[in-house]
Amino acid sequence: MNKELITRVEEALQQIRPYLEADGGNVSLVEVTGDHIVKLELHGACKTCSMSMMTMKAGIEESIRRSVPEILGVEAINLSPAPLS
């Protein structure tokens, strides 16, 4: 896969990481597929937080797609459902 594309995705993630870390979470890039889908792994609080899907769509995906418009989608490979209270 295109190293320049991966670098740009990593730079976009660096922009949002401080916000994730402030809430006890983080994210790492697993791969950028040939059809321009970014696969991420969520860590810490981001993995099970009830707001994880919103964080993925409104935060992480928005940041990546704004910085790297050729990305067609963003998926978390390990998103767990939030525990019921």
Protein backbone atom coordinates (compact mmCIF):
# COMPACT_ATOMS: atom_id res chain seq x y z
CA MET A 1 0.00 0.00 0.00
CA ASN A 2 1.03 3.56 -0.61
CA LYS A 3 3.39 4.68 2.19
CA GLU A 4 2.51 8.34 1.63
CA LEU A 5 -1.19 7.53 2.19
CA ILE A 6 -0.39 5.63 5.39
CA THR A 7 1.75 8.54 6.61
CA ARG A 8 -1.11 10.98 6.00
CA VAL A 9 -3.57 8.73 7.88
CA GLU A 10 -1.11 8.49 10.81
CA GLU A 11 -0.77 12.29 10.84
CA ALA A 12 -4.57 12.63 10.98
CA LEU A 13 -4.67 10.19 13.91
CA GLN A 14 -1.99 12.20 15.71
CA GLN A 15 -4.31 15.21 15.60
CA ILE A 16 -7.11 13.38 17.44
CA ARG A 17 -4.99 11.22 19.79
CA PRO A 18 -4.72 13.83 22.59
CA TYR A 19 -8.52 13.86 22.90
CA LEU A 20 -8.70 10.08 23.04
CA GLU A 21 -5.84 9.89 25.56
CA ALA A 22 -7.54 12.48 27.77
CA ASP A 23 -10.42 10.03 28.16
CA GLY A 24 -8.17 7.02 28.78
CA GLY A 25 -8.19 5.65 25.25
CA ASN A 26 -6.16 5.54 22.08
CA VAL A 27 -6.21 4.19 18.54
CA SER A 28 -3.70 2.50 16.26
CA LEU A 29 -3.65 2.02 12.52
CA VAL A 30 -3.89 -1.64 11.52
CA GLU A 31 -4.01 -1.22 7.74
CA VAL A 32 -5.14 0.81 4.80
CA THR A 33 -6.71 -1.61 2.32
CA GLY A 34 -6.26 -1.49 -1.43
CA ASP A 35 -9.77 -0.08 -1.75
CA HIS A 36 -8.90 2.81 0.61
CA ILE A 37 -10.59 1.57 3.79
CA VAL A 38 -8.76 2.38 7.03
CA LYS A 39 -8.82 -0.35 9.68
CA LEU A 40 -8.13 0.78 13.22
CA GLU A 41 -7.78 -0.84 16.61
CA LEU A 42 -9.24 1.02 19.59
CA HIS A 43 -7.45 0.80 22.94
CA GLY A 44 -8.31 1.44 26.56
CA ALA A 45 -11.54 3.27 27.30
CA CYS A 46 -12.26 3.72 23.58
CA LYS A 47 -12.71 -0.02 23.18
CA THR A 48 -15.84 -0.35 25.37
CA CYS A 49 -17.09 3.21 25.84
CA SER A 50 -20.79 3.68 25.06
CA MET A 51 -19.78 6.65 22.87
CA SER A 52 -17.26 4.64 20.81
CA MET A 53 -19.36 4.62 17.64
CA MET A 54 -19.90 8.38 17.86
CA THR A 55 -16.18 8.88 18.51
CA MET A 56 -15.40 6.73 15.47
CA LYS A 57 -17.79 8.58 13.13
CA ALA A 58 -17.68 12.17 14.38
CA GLY A 59 -14.09 12.24 15.59
CA ILE A 60 -11.71 9.73 14.10
CA GLU A 61 -13.35 9.16 10.71
CA GLU A 62 -14.04 12.87 10.24
CA SER A 63 -10.42 13.74 11.02
CA ILE A 64 -9.03 11.11 8.65
CA ARG A 65 -11.38 11.92 5.77
CA ARG A 66 -10.75 15.66 6.10
CA SER A 67 -6.97 15.12 5.93
CA VAL A 68 -7.01 12.24 3.45
CA PRO A 69 -10.07 12.68 1.21
CA GLU A 70 -9.29 9.60 -0.89
CA ILE A 71 -10.12 7.38 2.12
CA LEU A 72 -13.56 5.86 1.51
CA GLY A 73 -14.27 4.44 4.96
CA VAL A 74 -12.97 3.84 8.46
CA GLU A 75 -13.61 0.67 10.48
CA ALA A 76 -12.69 -0.38 14.01
CA ILE A 77 -11.70 -4.03 14.01
CA ASN A 78 -12.27 -4.52 17.75
CA LEU A 79 -15.21 -2.32 18.71
CA SER A 80 -17.01 -4.01 21.61
CA PRO A 81 -20.58 -3.30 22.59
CA ALA A 82 -20.86 -1.14 25.69
CA PRO A 83 -21.83 -3.02 28.86
CA LEU A 84 -25.44 -2.62 29.92
CA SER A 85 -25.90 -0.79 33.19
